[in-house]
Every structure is written in structure tokens, then in C-alpha cells.
Amino acid sequence: MMGRTAEALFWIGRYAERTENHARLIDVYYHIREEKESGGQSWSRLIDTIGDRTVFAEQYGSFTEQHVLQYITLDKNNSNSLLACTNHARTNLRNIREKMPGELWDILNGLYLWLKEKEVRDITTDSPHLFFRFIRDSLSMFQGAATSVMPRENEWFFVETGRYLERAENLLRLLQSLCNDYAREELCSYPLMLSVLKSVSGYEAFRRQYADTVSLGHIVKFLMLSESFPRSVSYSFSALESSLRSIEEDEPDLNEAVQKLAKLAGKVKANLACMDDDDILSGKLEMTLHALLESCSHMGLRMSKIFFPSREEVSA
């Protein structure tokens, strides 16, 4: 496969997943912003999770609702805004349109054109929940269409590689933010801990396993180690390993490089399987999350060097 095509497929998966993850997170934070904390604190925490505080402060100054929503949703200059991520995924899809099912373009292009015309007052005047749910539903439709119609060939596996690498990295950053705030005794309320579960649509699955026993340790354990919940770190690395192993290249050197990446994903998954309650509840958790994030970054850089050396890795 040509490097240009592999690059586009990988980033379609990453940016589509990033857009959906961020839309989920913004929606949840929007609706819990007034629970036991001031709006400014909630908005600043959201910027820390999915944005850049320094860049935001230079451009907007204060953490108001209008400024934060503009920056993380509609700001074209913020590479992690919903509009920018949607546009990046759309641009990559447009570059290889002849190789992808037409309905995928229709969904992604429609979402971009809809989002492009929006302003902050459209979010706040109507229902913010419906606004962000439309984005989530559109990305779910995109993923559902891809799952239904794409042949299980290299194109599919490159998209899946990008998607699950992005999913693991986003969740690790969210857990890192949760643990840092908890350590500072800023994020220990029941509603805010539940918001983390809801932001990844894991609340119902968590309750089936742990009932009403909500604690930081249980949340971290569920989101990191669950082998059945599709948005957990463990599940993401399993799917990432499987996708990498399924990529078949004609050039032996490329094939060997991809299989080495698959082994790395498998090694991370094996290390996760060895974790126990002591690892989660002890001071080692922060180091573990940092190490896992470094593994994600390393794998993204390795993919870039193998298939598309001209592209600079862009982190969430």
C-alpha cells in the first residue's frame, strides 16, 4: 500500500475517534459544570484535558462559557477542536475517496458542513446536549457504516489501528486528569466521578459490575482492565494488536516492522493483565499511566516512520 493511502486511512481513524471522544467529554462536562464547583473551574479542567491552557489563555484570556465552547468546538486554529478534527478526517477521506465506500464520505462531509455553519450561540441557545449528541451520533453512524461495508483488507485495518490507538490515548489522558485532581482533593465528589464513566458511555456497564460501589479505584480498574468493555484501555490494546497483525504488506521489511508494532501492543496488553488492586491503589498508578501514554506516543511515531515519514504526529 502506498504511504499516502496508509497515512490517510490511519488519520481518518484517529481523527474520527478523537472527534467523538471529545464531543462526549464536552457534553458531560457541560452538564456537570455547576455541581460542587464554579463554572470557571470546570471549564479550565476541560481545557486541561483536551486543549492547551497556555494557547487558550493567550487567545481568549478568561475561562467563560462562550470562550471555552468556541475554542474546543468551533475554533479552526485549535487542532483539537471538533470542527478542526472533523475537517482533518474529511480531508484525508477526500484524498482517497476512490478507495473508500461513498456513504462514508456522505456522512463525514455532511457533519463537517453542518458544523461549519454553527456559532457558539447555536449551542447555548438551543440544547447543548442535542448539539453534541448529533455529533456523537454522526460519528457512530460513520463507524457503523464502515463496519458494515468495508472489506476486511488493509484499508480497514489501518483505520482500526488509528481508531484504537486514539481511543487508548484519549482514555489514558482522561484517567490521568482524574487521578491528578483526585490527588489534589479537587475531584472526589460522586457526580464528578460518575461523569468520567458517562463521558465514555461506561456508566451502565460499570453499574452492572460494581452496582452502587463507586470509587476511584473501581473506576480506574474498570476503565483500564476490563476485557469486555470496548472503550477500556485493555480492550483497545487488544484490538490494536489484532489490527496490526492483520495488515499484510508485500515488502518483507514493512511486514516485519508492522509485526514488531503488533508485538509491542501485545506486550502492553500483557503488562496490563498483570496489574492488580495494589498497583491501581498505590502511588504507582501515576507512573503506569505515564508509561502507557508514552507507549501510545511511541507507537504513533513508529507508524509514522514506517509508512508516512513526512507526517508529524499530532497528539490529542
C-alpha atoms as a PDB file:
ATOM      1  CA  MET A   1       0.000   0.000   0.000  1.00  0.00           C
ATOM      2  CA  MET A   2       1.257   3.472  -0.880  1.00  0.00           C
ATOM      3  CA  GLY A   3       2.374   5.545   2.075  1.00  0.00           C
ATOM      4  CA  ARG A   4      -0.074   8.338   1.163  1.00  0.00           C
ATOM      5  CA  THR A   5      -3.026   5.959   1.339  1.00  0.00           C
ATOM      6  CA  ALA A   6      -1.884   4.310   4.565  1.00  0.00           C
ATOM      7  CA  GLU A   7      -1.368   7.730   6.129  1.00  0.00           C
ATOM      8  CA  ALA A   8      -4.842   8.927   5.177  1.00  0.00           C
ATOM      9  CA  LEU A   9      -6.529   5.769   6.471  1.00  0.00           C
ATOM     10  CA  PHE A  10      -4.673   5.873   9.780  1.00  0.00           C
ATOM     11  CA  TRP A  11      -5.598   9.504  10.379  1.00  0.00           C
ATOM     12  CA  ILE A  12      -9.214   9.010   9.353  1.00  0.00           C
ATOM     13  CA  GLY A  13      -9.445   6.506  12.195  1.00  0.00           C
ATOM     14  CA  ARG A  14      -7.651   8.774  14.658  1.00  0.00           C
ATOM     15  CA  TYR A  15      -9.481  11.996  13.905  1.00  0.00           C
ATOM     16  CA  ALA A  16     -12.946  10.407  13.719  1.00  0.00           C
ATOM     17  CA  GLU A  17     -12.357   8.759  17.098  1.00  0.00           C
ATOM     18  CA  ARG A  18     -10.927  11.958  18.579  1.00  0.00           C
ATOM     19  CA  THR A  19     -13.953  13.972  17.452  1.00  0.00           C
ATOM     20  CA  GLU A  20     -16.379  11.510  19.015  1.00  0.00           C
ATOM     21  CA  ASN A  21     -14.401  11.236  22.270  1.00  0.00           C
ATOM     22  CA  HIS A  22     -14.162  14.997  22.658  1.00  0.00           C
ATOM     23  CA  ALA A  23     -17.849  15.515  21.882  1.00  0.00           C
ATOM     24  CA  ARG A  24     -18.742  13.010  24.609  1.00  0.00           C
ATOM     25  CA  LEU A  25     -16.454  14.696  27.110  1.00  0.00           C
ATOM     26  CA  ILE A  26     -17.653  18.238  26.353  1.00  0.00           C
ATOM     27  CA  ASP A  27     -21.280  17.175  26.651  1.00  0.00           C
ATOM     28  CA  VAL A  28     -20.757  15.582  30.068  1.00  0.00           C
ATOM     29  CA  TYR A  29     -18.652  18.451  31.434  1.00  0.00           C
ATOM     30  CA  TYR A  30     -21.207  20.955  30.197  1.00  0.00           C
ATOM     31  CA  HIS A  31     -23.955  19.347  32.243  1.00  0.00           C
ATOM     32  CA  ILE A  32     -21.984  18.897  35.479  1.00  0.00           C
ATOM     33  CA  ARG A  33     -20.185  22.250  35.432  1.00  0.00           C
ATOM     34  CA  GLU A  34     -22.287  23.682  38.258  1.00  0.00           C
ATOM     35  CA  GLU A  35     -22.179  20.688  40.582  1.00  0.00           C
ATOM     36  CA  LYS A  36     -19.993  21.496  43.614  1.00  0.00           C
ATOM     37  CA  GLU A  37     -17.660  23.734  41.669  1.00  0.00           C
ATOM     38  CA  SER A  38     -17.731  27.049  39.865  1.00  0.00           C
ATOM     39  CA  GLY A  39     -18.175  27.149  36.116  1.00  0.00           C
ATOM     40  CA  GLY A  40     -14.675  28.564  35.659  1.00  0.00           C
ATOM     41  CA  GLN A  41     -13.056  25.621  37.422  1.00  0.00           C
ATOM     42  CA  SER A  42     -14.998  23.130  35.322  1.00  0.00           C
ATOM     43  CA  TRP A  43     -14.186  24.880  32.049  1.00  0.00           C
ATOM     44  CA  SER A  44     -10.491  25.204  32.931  1.00  0.00           C
ATOM     45  CA  ARG A  45     -10.366  21.481  33.752  1.00  0.00           C
ATOM     46  CA  LEU A  46     -11.880  20.718  30.353  1.00  0.00           C
ATOM     47  CA  ILE A  47      -9.240  22.851  28.618  1.00  0.00           C
ATOM     48  CA  ASP A  48      -6.528  20.984  30.523  1.00  0.00           C
ATOM     49  CA  THR A  49      -7.981  17.630  29.414  1.00  0.00           C
ATOM     50  CA  ILE A  50      -8.426  18.228  25.678  1.00  0.00           C
ATOM     51  CA  GLY A  51      -6.761  21.549  24.926  1.00  0.00           C
ATOM     52  CA  ASP A  52      -3.796  23.757  25.669  1.00  0.00           C
ATOM     53  CA  ARG A  53      -4.209  26.142  28.605  1.00  0.00           C
ATOM     54  CA  THR A  54      -1.363  28.426  27.509  1.00  0.00           C
ATOM     55  CA  VAL A  55      -2.653  28.799  23.956  1.00  0.00           C
ATOM     56  CA  PHE A  56      -6.203  29.331  25.214  1.00  0.00           C
ATOM     57  CA  ALA A  57      -5.122  31.993  27.723  1.00  0.00           C
ATOM     58  CA  GLU A  58      -3.171  33.876  25.073  1.00  0.00           C
ATOM     59  CA  GLN A  59      -6.101  33.883  22.677  1.00  0.00           C
ATOM     60  CA  TYR A  60      -9.130  34.248  24.949  1.00  0.00           C
ATOM     61  CA  GLY A  61      -7.929  35.232  28.422  1.00  0.00           C
ATOM     62  CA  SER A  62     -10.836  34.215  30.673  1.00  0.00           C
ATOM     63  CA  PHE A  63     -12.494  30.807  31.114  1.00  0.00           C
ATOM     64  CA  THR A  64     -16.024  31.834  30.208  1.00  0.00           C
ATOM     65  CA  GLU A  65     -18.600  29.515  28.709  1.00  0.00           C
ATOM     66  CA  GLN A  66     -18.579  31.366  25.386  1.00  0.00           C
ATOM     67  CA  HIS A  67     -14.787  31.370  25.095  1.00  0.00           C
ATOM     68  CA  VAL A  68     -14.305  27.726  26.050  1.00  0.00           C
ATOM     69  CA  LEU A  69     -17.060  26.450  23.748  1.00  0.00           C
ATOM     70  CA  GLN A  70     -15.630  28.465  20.863  1.00  0.00           C
ATOM     71  CA  TYR A  71     -12.106  27.129  21.467  1.00  0.00           C
ATOM     72  CA  ILE A  72     -12.915  23.438  21.875  1.00  0.00           C
ATOM     73  CA  THR A  73     -15.813  23.215  19.427  1.00  0.00           C
ATOM     74  CA  LEU A  74     -15.546  25.706  16.556  1.00  0.00           C
ATOM     75  CA  ASP A  75     -12.045  27.226  16.583  1.00  0.00           C
ATOM     76  CA  LYS A  76     -10.376  26.387  13.253  1.00  0.00           C
ATOM     77  CA  ASN A  77      -6.947  27.250  14.681  1.00  0.00           C
ATOM     78  CA  ASN A  78      -7.238  24.752  17.534  1.00  0.00           C
ATOM     79  CA  SER A  79      -6.152  21.425  16.049  1.00  0.00           C
ATOM     80  CA  ASN A  80      -8.194  19.544  18.678  1.00  0.00           C
ATOM     81  CA  SER A  81     -11.480  21.430  18.262  1.00  0.00           C
ATOM     82  CA  LEU A  82     -14.426  19.410  16.982  1.00  0.00           C
ATOM     83  CA  LEU A  83     -14.522  21.402  13.745  1.00  0.00           C
ATOM     84  CA  ALA A  84     -10.779  21.004  13.101  1.00  0.00           C
ATOM     85  CA  CYS A  85     -10.771  17.252  13.847  1.00  0.00           C
ATOM     86  CA  THR A  86     -13.804  16.688  11.615  1.00  0.00           C
ATOM     87  CA  ASN A  87     -12.139  18.676   8.843  1.00  0.00           C
ATOM     88  CA  HIS A  88      -8.880  16.688   9.168  1.00  0.00           C
ATOM     89  CA  ALA A  89     -10.747  13.381   8.928  1.00  0.00           C
ATOM     90  CA  ARG A  90     -12.786  14.680   5.977  1.00  0.00           C
ATOM     91  CA  THR A  91      -9.679  15.942   4.139  1.00  0.00           C
ATOM     92  CA  ASN A  92      -7.940  12.584   4.497  1.00  0.00           C
ATOM     93  CA  LEU A  93     -11.058  10.779   3.304  1.00  0.00           C
ATOM     94  CA  ARG A  94     -11.382  13.108   0.314  1.00  0.00           C
ATOM     95  CA  ASN A  95      -7.778  12.354  -0.698  1.00  0.00           C
ATOM     96  CA  ILE A  96      -8.547   8.630  -1.061  1.00  0.00           C
ATOM     97  CA  ARG A  97     -12.245   8.833  -1.918  1.00  0.00           C
ATOM     98  CA  GLU A  98     -11.900   6.365  -4.779  1.00  0.00           C
ATOM     99  CA  LYS A  99     -10.723   3.686  -2.346  1.00  0.00           C
ATOM    100  CA  MET A 100     -13.480   4.118   0.270  1.00  0.00           C
ATOM    101  CA  PRO A 101     -17.259   3.485   0.308  1.00  0.00           C
ATOM    102  CA  GLY A 102     -19.214   6.533  -0.835  1.00  0.00           C
ATOM    103  CA  GLU A 103     -21.557   6.558   2.146  1.00  0.00           C
ATOM    104  CA  LEU A 104     -18.623   7.237   4.477  1.00  0.00           C
ATOM    105  CA  TRP A 105     -17.908  10.452   2.588  1.00  0.00           C
ATOM    106  CA  ASP A 106     -21.590  11.434   2.694  1.00  0.00           C
ATOM    107  CA  ILE A 107     -21.727  11.089   6.484  1.00  0.00           C
ATOM    108  CA  LEU A 108     -18.453  12.836   7.266  1.00  0.00           C
ATOM    109  CA  ASN A 109     -18.894  15.600   4.711  1.00  0.00           C
ATOM    110  CA  GLY A 110     -22.440  16.242   5.947  1.00  0.00           C
ATOM    111  CA  LEU A 111     -21.225  16.532   9.540  1.00  0.00           C
ATOM    112  CA  TYR A 112     -18.474  18.963   8.558  1.00  0.00           C
ATOM    113  CA  LEU A 113     -20.800  21.201   6.520  1.00  0.00           C
ATOM    114  CA  TRP A 114     -23.326  21.250   9.383  1.00  0.00           C
ATOM    115  CA  LEU A 115     -20.666  22.066  11.983  1.00  0.00           C
ATOM    116  CA  LYS A 116     -19.000  24.675   9.793  1.00  0.00           C
ATOM    117  CA  GLU A 117     -22.138  26.821   9.788  1.00  0.00           C
ATOM    118  CA  LYS A 118     -22.596  26.790  13.572  1.00  0.00           C
ATOM    119  CA  GLU A 119     -21.779  29.523  16.059  1.00  0.00           C
ATOM    120  CA  VAL A 120     -21.499  29.397  19.840  1.00  0.00           C
ATOM    121  CA  ARG A 121     -24.938  30.913  20.267  1.00  0.00           C
ATOM    122  CA  ASP A 122     -26.380  27.975  18.303  1.00  0.00           C
ATOM    123  CA  ILE A 123     -25.015  25.675  21.020  1.00  0.00           C
ATOM    124  CA  THR A 124     -26.161  27.688  24.023  1.00  0.00           C
ATOM    125  CA  THR A 125     -29.499  28.961  22.682  1.00  0.00           C
ATOM    126  CA  ASP A 126     -30.803  25.551  21.725  1.00  0.00           C
ATOM    127  CA  SER A 127     -29.984  22.369  23.630  1.00  0.00           C
ATOM    128  CA  PRO A 128     -26.215  21.809  24.090  1.00  0.00           C
ATOM    129  CA  HIS A 129     -26.954  18.153  24.796  1.00  0.00           C
ATOM    130  CA  LEU A 130     -28.723  17.723  21.449  1.00  0.00           C
ATOM    131  CA  PHE A 131     -25.912  19.578  19.685  1.00  0.00           C
ATOM    132  CA  PHE A 132     -23.177  17.297  20.982  1.00  0.00           C
ATOM    133  CA  ARG A 133     -25.350  14.198  20.705  1.00  0.00           C
ATOM    134  CA  PHE A 134     -25.822  14.910  16.998  1.00  0.00           C
ATOM    135  CA  ILE A 135     -22.046  14.936  16.564  1.00  0.00           C
ATOM    136  CA  ARG A 136     -21.671  11.696  18.535  1.00  0.00           C
ATOM    137  CA  ASP A 137     -24.487  10.032  16.617  1.00  0.00           C
ATOM    138  CA  SER A 138     -22.998  11.096  13.282  1.00  0.00           C
ATOM    139  CA  LEU A 139     -19.622   9.598  14.196  1.00  0.00           C
ATOM    140  CA  SER A 140     -21.326   6.430  15.447  1.00  0.00           C
ATOM    141  CA  MET A 141     -23.136   6.238  12.101  1.00  0.00           C
ATOM    142  CA  PHE A 142     -19.812   6.692  10.326  1.00  0.00           C
ATOM    143  CA  GLN A 143     -18.250   3.861  12.307  1.00  0.00           C
ATOM    144  CA  GLY A 144     -21.307   1.667  11.816  1.00  0.00           C
ATOM    145  CA  ALA A 145     -21.234   2.203   8.060  1.00  0.00           C
ATOM    146  CA  ALA A 146     -17.512   1.415   7.931  1.00  0.00           C
ATOM    147  CA  THR A 147     -18.059  -1.754   9.951  1.00  0.00           C
ATOM    148  CA  SER A 148     -20.907  -2.840   7.678  1.00  0.00           C
ATOM    149  CA  VAL A 149     -19.451  -2.206   4.224  1.00  0.00           C
ATOM    150  CA  MET A 150     -15.647  -2.050   4.304  1.00  0.00           C
ATOM    151  CA  PRO A 151     -13.876  -5.248   3.198  1.00  0.00           C
ATOM    152  CA  ARG A 152     -11.589  -6.677   5.861  1.00  0.00           C
ATOM    153  CA  GLU A 153      -8.473  -5.752   3.948  1.00  0.00           C
ATOM    154  CA  ASN A 154      -5.539  -3.452   4.673  1.00  0.00           C
ATOM    155  CA  GLU A 155      -7.676  -0.309   4.326  1.00  0.00           C
ATOM    156  CA  TRP A 156      -9.953  -1.436   7.142  1.00  0.00           C
ATOM    157  CA  PHE A 157      -7.108  -2.473   9.419  1.00  0.00           C
ATOM    158  CA  PHE A 158      -5.286   0.848   9.007  1.00  0.00           C
ATOM    159  CA  VAL A 159      -8.445   2.737  10.010  1.00  0.00           C
ATOM    160  CA  GLU A 160      -8.911   0.426  13.003  1.00  0.00           C
ATOM    161  CA  THR A 161      -5.276   0.871  14.033  1.00  0.00           C
ATOM    162  CA  GLY A 162      -5.716   4.628  14.141  1.00  0.00           C
ATOM    163  CA  ARG A 163      -9.055   4.374  15.916  1.00  0.00           C
ATOM    164  CA  TYR A 164      -7.931   2.122  18.766  1.00  0.00           C
ATOM    165  CA  LEU A 165      -4.611   3.888  19.285  1.00  0.00           C
ATOM    166  CA  GLU A 166      -6.520   7.164  19.595  1.00  0.00           C
ATOM    167  CA  ARG A 167      -9.101   5.596  21.912  1.00  0.00           C
ATOM    168  CA  ALA A 168      -6.466   4.245  24.284  1.00  0.00           C
ATOM    169  CA  GLU A 169      -4.592   7.552  24.367  1.00  0.00           C
ATOM    170  CA  ASN A 170      -7.717   9.635  24.987  1.00  0.00           C
ATOM    171  CA  LEU A 171      -8.853   7.420  27.840  1.00  0.00           C
ATOM    172  CA  LEU A 172      -5.408   7.418  29.446  1.00  0.00           C
ATOM    173  CA  ARG A 173      -5.327  11.226  29.362  1.00  0.00           C
ATOM    174  CA  LEU A 174      -8.774  11.331  30.942  1.00  0.00           C
ATOM    175  CA  LEU A 175      -7.726   8.934  33.717  1.00  0.00           C
ATOM    176  CA  GLN A 176      -4.535  10.892  34.262  1.00  0.00           C
ATOM    177  CA  SER A 177      -6.540  14.092  34.693  1.00  0.00           C
ATOM    178  CA  LEU A 178      -8.954  12.355  37.065  1.00  0.00           C
ATOM    179  CA  CYS A 179      -6.154  10.940  39.229  1.00  0.00           C
ATOM    180  CA  ASN A 180      -4.241  14.221  39.347  1.00  0.00           C
ATOM    181  CA  ASP A 181      -7.305  16.145  40.501  1.00  0.00           C
ATOM    182  CA  TYR A 182      -8.212  13.432  42.981  1.00  0.00           C
ATOM    183  CA  ALA A 183      -4.715  13.596  44.470  1.00  0.00           C
ATOM    184  CA  ARG A 184      -5.201  17.343  44.973  1.00  0.00           C
ATOM    185  CA  GLU A 185      -8.590  16.587  46.578  1.00  0.00           C
ATOM    186  CA  GLU A 186     -10.344  18.599  43.894  1.00  0.00           C
ATOM    187  CA  LEU A 187     -12.280  15.827  42.228  1.00  0.00           C
ATOM    188  CA  CYS A 188     -13.670  13.486  44.855  1.00  0.00           C
ATOM    189  CA  SER A 189     -17.396  14.126  44.513  1.00  0.00           C
ATOM    190  CA  TYR A 190     -19.728  11.345  43.451  1.00  0.00           C
ATOM    191  CA  PRO A 191     -21.242  13.262  40.485  1.00  0.00           C
ATOM    192  CA  LEU A 192     -17.862  14.149  39.046  1.00  0.00           C
ATOM    193  CA  MET A 193     -16.518  10.614  39.281  1.00  0.00           C
ATOM    194  CA  LEU A 194     -19.652   9.389  37.521  1.00  0.00           C
ATOM    195  CA  SER A 195     -19.072  11.979  34.810  1.00  0.00           C
ATOM    196  CA  VAL A 196     -15.880  10.177  33.813  1.00  0.00           C
ATOM    197  CA  LEU A 197     -17.835   6.967  33.271  1.00  0.00           C
ATOM    198  CA  LYS A 198     -20.578   8.767  31.368  1.00  0.00           C
ATOM    199  CA  SER A 199     -18.089  10.521  29.102  1.00  0.00           C
ATOM    200  CA  VAL A 200     -17.065   7.120  27.700  1.00  0.00           C
ATOM    201  CA  SER A 201     -20.591   5.659  27.866  1.00  0.00           C
ATOM    202  CA  GLY A 202     -19.388   3.248  30.532  1.00  0.00           C
ATOM    203  CA  TYR A 203     -21.802   4.120  33.340  1.00  0.00           C
ATOM    204  CA  GLU A 204     -24.316   1.310  32.730  1.00  0.00           C
ATOM    205  CA  ALA A 205     -21.633  -1.333  32.135  1.00  0.00           C
ATOM    206  CA  PHE A 206     -19.841  -0.215  35.309  1.00  0.00           C
ATOM    207  CA  ARG A 207     -23.025  -0.389  37.389  1.00  0.00           C
ATOM    208  CA  ARG A 208     -23.716  -3.939  36.202  1.00  0.00           C
ATOM    209  CA  GLN A 209     -20.315  -4.981  37.516  1.00  0.00           C
ATOM    210  CA  TYR A 210     -19.945  -2.847  40.655  1.00  0.00           C
ATOM    211  CA  ALA A 211     -23.561  -1.875  41.465  1.00  0.00           C
ATOM    212  CA  ASP A 212     -23.534   1.262  43.662  1.00  0.00           C
ATOM    213  CA  THR A 213     -19.925   0.909  44.799  1.00  0.00           C
ATOM    214  CA  VAL A 214     -18.398   3.938  43.103  1.00  0.00           C
ATOM    215  CA  SER A 215     -14.784   4.697  43.987  1.00  0.00           C
ATOM    216  CA  LEU A 216     -11.720   5.958  42.174  1.00  0.00           C
ATOM    217  CA  GLY A 217     -10.094   2.514  42.393  1.00  0.00           C
ATOM    218  CA  HIS A 218     -13.095   0.732  40.869  1.00  0.00           C
ATOM    219  CA  ILE A 219     -13.445   3.283  38.083  1.00  0.00           C
ATOM    220  CA  VAL A 220      -9.758   3.080  37.165  1.00  0.00           C
ATOM    221  CA  LYS A 221      -9.797  -0.710  37.337  1.00  0.00           C
ATOM    222  CA  PHE A 222     -12.873  -0.940  35.120  1.00  0.00           C
ATOM    223  CA  LEU A 223     -11.675   1.533  32.502  1.00  0.00           C
ATOM    224  CA  MET A 224      -8.143   0.162  32.381  1.00  0.00           C
ATOM    225  CA  LEU A 225      -8.529  -3.581  32.784  1.00  0.00           C
ATOM    226  CA  SER A 226     -11.974  -4.618  31.559  1.00  0.00           C
ATOM    227  CA  GLU A 227     -11.562  -7.072  28.683  1.00  0.00           C
ATOM    228  CA  SER A 228     -15.207  -6.859  27.630  1.00  0.00           C
ATOM    229  CA  PHE A 229     -15.920  -3.107  27.700  1.00  0.00           C
ATOM    230  CA  PRO A 230     -14.918  -1.820  24.210  1.00  0.00           C
ATOM    231  CA  ARG A 231     -13.685   1.552  25.442  1.00  0.00           C
ATOM    232  CA  SER A 232     -11.310   0.251  28.105  1.00  0.00           C
ATOM    233  CA  VAL A 233      -7.542   0.567  27.729  1.00  0.00           C
ATOM    234  CA  SER A 234      -7.091  -3.200  27.793  1.00  0.00           C
ATOM    235  CA  TYR A 235      -9.693  -3.807  25.092  1.00  0.00           C
ATOM    236  CA  SER A 236      -8.226  -1.013  22.945  1.00  0.00           C
ATOM    237  CA  PHE A 237      -4.738  -2.521  23.029  1.00  0.00           C
ATOM    238  CA  SER A 238      -6.137  -5.973  22.223  1.00  0.00           C
ATOM    239  CA  ALA A 239      -7.972  -4.566  19.193  1.00  0.00           C
ATOM    240  CA  LEU A 240      -4.892  -2.553  18.229  1.00  0.00           C
ATOM    241  CA  GLU A 241      -2.696  -5.655  18.310  1.00  0.00           C
ATOM    242  CA  SER A 242      -5.233  -7.618  16.259  1.00  0.00           C
ATOM    243  CA  SER A 243      -5.499  -4.866  13.625  1.00  0.00           C
ATOM    244  CA  LEU A 244      -1.726  -4.558  13.286  1.00  0.00           C
ATOM    245  CA  ARG A 245      -1.279  -8.313  12.939  1.00  0.00           C
ATOM    246  CA  SER A 246      -3.884  -8.329  10.173  1.00  0.00           C
ATOM    247  CA  ILE A 247      -2.020  -5.809   7.988  1.00  0.00           C
ATOM    248  CA  GLU A 248      -0.243  -7.620   5.164  1.00  0.00           C
ATOM    249  CA  GLU A 249       2.430  -5.844   3.137  1.00  0.00           C
ATOM    250  CA  ASP A 250       4.230  -7.152   0.059  1.00  0.00           C
ATOM    251  CA  GLU A 251       7.576  -5.768   1.180  1.00  0.00           C
ATOM    252  CA  PRO A 252       9.182  -8.039   3.820  1.00  0.00           C
ATOM    253  CA  ASP A 253      10.768  -5.132   5.678  1.00  0.00           C
ATOM    254  CA  LEU A 254       7.430  -3.343   6.047  1.00  0.00           C
ATOM    255  CA  ASN A 255       5.714  -6.517   7.115  1.00  0.00           C
ATOM    256  CA  GLU A 256       8.363  -7.164   9.767  1.00  0.00           C
ATOM    257  CA  ALA A 257       8.111  -3.606  11.076  1.00  0.00           C
ATOM    258  CA  VAL A 258       4.328  -3.851  11.418  1.00  0.00           C
ATOM    259  CA  GLN A 259       4.566  -7.166  13.243  1.00  0.00           C
ATOM    260  CA  LYS A 260       7.049  -5.636  15.680  1.00  0.00           C
ATOM    261  CA  LEU A 261       4.493  -2.948  16.401  1.00  0.00           C
ATOM    262  CA  ALA A 262       1.874  -5.640  16.983  1.00  0.00           C
ATOM    263  CA  LYS A 263       4.211  -7.339  19.461  1.00  0.00           C
ATOM    264  CA  LEU A 264       4.624  -4.035  21.296  1.00  0.00           C
ATOM    265  CA  ALA A 265       0.846  -3.652  21.582  1.00  0.00           C
ATOM    266  CA  GLY A 266       0.657  -7.240  22.831  1.00  0.00           C
ATOM    267  CA  LYS A 267       3.364  -6.548  25.407  1.00  0.00           C
ATOM    268  CA  VAL A 268       1.424  -3.548  26.737  1.00  0.00           C
ATOM    269  CA  LYS A 269      -1.726  -5.687  26.916  1.00  0.00           C
ATOM    270  CA  ALA A 270       0.170  -8.397  28.807  1.00  0.00           C
ATOM    271  CA  ASN A 271       1.528  -5.860  31.298  1.00  0.00           C
ATOM    272  CA  LEU A 272      -1.998  -4.584  31.891  1.00  0.00           C
ATOM    273  CA  ALA A 273      -3.193  -8.124  32.560  1.00  0.00           C
ATOM    274  CA  CYS A 274      -0.588  -8.403  35.337  1.00  0.00           C
ATOM    275  CA  MET A 275      -1.901  -5.366  37.202  1.00  0.00           C
ATOM    276  CA  ASP A 276      -3.771  -5.936  40.461  1.00  0.00           C
ATOM    277  CA  ASP A 277      -5.595  -3.805  43.034  1.00  0.00           C
ATOM    278  CA  ASP A 278      -2.344  -2.804  44.759  1.00  0.00           C
ATOM    279  CA  ASP A 279      -0.979  -1.400  41.502  1.00  0.00           C
ATOM    280  CA  ILE A 280      -4.134   0.657  40.995  1.00  0.00           C
ATOM    281  CA  LEU A 281      -4.491   1.970  44.518  1.00  0.00           C
ATOM    282  CA  SER A 282      -0.822   2.633  45.192  1.00  0.00           C
ATOM    283  CA  GLY A 283       1.327   5.554  44.141  1.00  0.00           C
ATOM    284  CA  LYS A 284       2.477   3.558  41.110  1.00  0.00           C
ATOM    285  CA  LEU A 285      -0.689   4.389  39.162  1.00  0.00           C
ATOM    286  CA  GLU A 286       0.570   7.787  38.029  1.00  0.00           C
ATOM    287  CA  MET A 287       3.761   6.221  36.683  1.00  0.00           C
ATOM    288  CA  THR A 288       1.755   3.479  34.987  1.00  0.00           C
ATOM    289  CA  LEU A 289      -0.499   5.959  33.192  1.00  0.00           C
ATOM    290  CA  HIS A 290       2.520   7.999  32.125  1.00  0.00           C
ATOM    291  CA  ALA A 291       4.272   4.886  30.797  1.00  0.00           C
ATOM    292  CA  LEU A 292       1.172   3.818  28.858  1.00  0.00           C
ATOM    293  CA  LEU A 293       0.849   7.259  27.297  1.00  0.00           C
ATOM    294  CA  GLU A 294       4.499   7.088  26.278  1.00  0.00           C
ATOM    295  CA  SER A 295       3.798   3.699  24.661  1.00  0.00           C
ATOM    296  CA  CYS A 296       0.928   5.226  22.664  1.00  0.00           C
ATOM    297  CA  SER A 297       3.122   8.110  21.536  1.00  0.00           C
ATOM    298  CA  HIS A 298       5.932   5.716  20.621  1.00  0.00           C
ATOM    299  CA  MET A 299       3.604   3.539  18.549  1.00  0.00           C
ATOM    300  CA  GLY A 300       2.216   6.569  16.728  1.00  0.00           C
ATOM    301  CA  LEU A 301       5.727   7.745  15.893  1.00  0.00           C
ATOM    302  CA  ARG A 302       6.729   4.261  14.756  1.00  0.00           C
ATOM    303  CA  MET A 303       3.704   4.107  12.439  1.00  0.00           C
ATOM    304  CA  SER A 304       4.693   7.478  11.006  1.00  0.00           C
ATOM    305  CA  LYS A 305       8.294   6.411  10.390  1.00  0.00           C
ATOM    306  CA  ILE A 306       7.261   3.130   8.783  1.00  0.00           C
ATOM    307  CA  PHE A 307       4.502   4.300   6.452  1.00  0.00           C
ATOM    308  CA  PHE A 308       4.413   8.094   6.241  1.00  0.00           C
ATOM    309  CA  PRO A 309       7.670   9.725   7.401  1.00  0.00           C
ATOM    310  CA  SER A 310       6.609  13.144   6.084  1.00  0.00           C
ATOM    311  CA  ARG A 311       3.743  13.446   8.602  1.00  0.00           C
ATOM    312  CA  GLU A 312       4.280  14.884  12.076  1.00  0.00           C
ATOM    313  CA  GLU A 313       2.442  13.104  14.873  1.00  0.00           C
ATOM    314  CA  VAL A 314      -0.387  15.179  16.360  1.00  0.00           C
ATOM    315  CA  SER A 315      -1.403  14.259  19.909  1.00  0.00           C
ATOM    316  CA  ALA A 316      -4.838  14.668  21.441  1.00  0.00           C
END
